[in-house]
Amino acid sequence: MTKVVIITGSPHFNGASQKLADSFEWGLKENYTNIYRYDAGLQGEGEPHF
């Protein structure tokens, strides 16, 4: 089983980095079941995206 961690650091919600990470995560979901995502730039504005 392969584990994948996606870390983003942009504080812009729904910005280009966020959309790129969304697409990457979406593509991985077809092949991997163990994906963890941490949006470091969005900490403090709400709950992190898991």
C-alpha atoms as a PDB file:
ATOM      1  CA  MET A   1       0.000   0.000   0.000  1.00  0.00           C
ATOM      2  CA  THR A   2       1.370   3.373  -0.983  1.00  0.00           C
ATOM      3  CA  LYS A   3       0.734   6.419   1.162  1.00  0.00           C
ATOM      4  CA  VAL A   4       0.573   9.895  -0.384  1.00  0.00           C
ATOM      5  CA  VAL A   5       0.803  13.219   1.469  1.00  0.00           C
ATOM      6  CA  ILE A   6      -0.218  16.448  -0.273  1.00  0.00           C
ATOM      7  CA  ILE A   7       0.971  19.643   1.412  1.00  0.00           C
ATOM      8  CA  THR A   8      -0.059  23.096   0.231  1.00  0.00           C
ATOM      9  CA  GLY A   9       1.126  26.390   1.686  1.00  0.00           C
ATOM     10  CA  SER A  10      -0.847  29.075  -0.099  1.00  0.00           C
ATOM     11  CA  PRO A  11      -3.163  31.192   2.089  1.00  0.00           C
ATOM     12  CA  HIS A  12      -5.485  31.836  -0.876  1.00  0.00           C
ATOM     13  CA  PHE A  13      -8.582  29.676  -0.604  1.00  0.00           C
ATOM     14  CA  ASN A  14      -9.585  28.323  -4.008  1.00  0.00           C
ATOM     15  CA  GLY A  15      -6.461  29.813  -5.618  1.00  0.00           C
ATOM     16  CA  ALA A  16      -4.305  28.237  -8.330  1.00  0.00           C
ATOM     17  CA  SER A  17      -2.259  26.102  -5.895  1.00  0.00           C
ATOM     18  CA  GLN A  18      -5.427  24.837  -4.240  1.00  0.00           C
ATOM     19  CA  LYS A  19      -6.976  23.910  -7.598  1.00  0.00           C
ATOM     20  CA  LEU A  20      -3.799  22.126  -8.696  1.00  0.00           C
ATOM     21  CA  ALA A  21      -3.727  20.135  -5.447  1.00  0.00           C
ATOM     22  CA  ASP A  22      -7.449  19.324  -5.876  1.00  0.00           C
ATOM     23  CA  SER A  23      -6.801  17.936  -9.359  1.00  0.00           C
ATOM     24  CA  PHE A  24      -3.781  15.966  -8.152  1.00  0.00           C
ATOM     25  CA  GLU A  25      -5.788  14.500  -5.272  1.00  0.00           C
ATOM     26  CA  TRP A  26      -8.689  13.631  -7.576  1.00  0.00           C
ATOM     27  CA  GLY A  27      -6.342  11.768  -9.926  1.00  0.00           C
ATOM     28  CA  LEU A  28      -4.742   9.855  -7.064  1.00  0.00           C
ATOM     29  CA  LYS A  29      -8.072   8.678  -5.648  1.00  0.00           C
ATOM     30  CA  GLU A  30      -8.461   6.329  -8.613  1.00  0.00           C
ATOM     31  CA  ASN A  31      -5.322   4.375  -7.667  1.00  0.00           C
ATOM     32  CA  TYR A  32      -4.513   5.050  -4.012  1.00  0.00           C
ATOM     33  CA  THR A  33      -6.682   4.698  -0.959  1.00  0.00           C
ATOM     34  CA  ASN A  34      -4.362   6.238   1.626  1.00  0.00           C
ATOM     35  CA  ILE A  35      -4.160   9.968   0.799  1.00  0.00           C
ATOM     36  CA  TYR A  36      -3.603  12.676   3.411  1.00  0.00           C
ATOM     37  CA  ARG A  37      -3.827  16.367   2.575  1.00  0.00           C
ATOM     38  CA  TYR A  38      -2.651  19.237   4.745  1.00  0.00           C
ATOM     39  CA  ASP A  39      -3.346  22.842   3.755  1.00  0.00           C
ATOM     40  CA  ALA A  40      -0.802  24.680   5.904  1.00  0.00           C
ATOM     41  CA  GLY A  41      -1.626  28.098   4.460  1.00  0.00           C
ATOM     42  CA  LEU A  42      -5.261  27.856   5.489  1.00  0.00           C
ATOM     43  CA  GLN A  43      -4.639  27.118   9.161  1.00  0.00           C
ATOM     44  CA  GLY A  44      -6.346  29.635  11.358  1.00  0.00           C
ATOM     45  CA  GLU A  45      -9.107  30.388   8.827  1.00  0.00           C
ATOM     46  CA  GLY A  46     -11.030  27.228   9.586  1.00  0.00           C
ATOM     47  CA  GLU A  47     -10.641  23.503   9.580  1.00  0.00           C
ATOM     48  CA  PRO A  48      -7.874  21.976   7.470  1.00  0.00           C
ATOM     49  CA  HIS A  49      -8.932  19.980   4.423  1.00  0.00           C
ATOM     50  CA  PHE A  50      -8.534  16.249   5.141  1.00  0.00           C
END
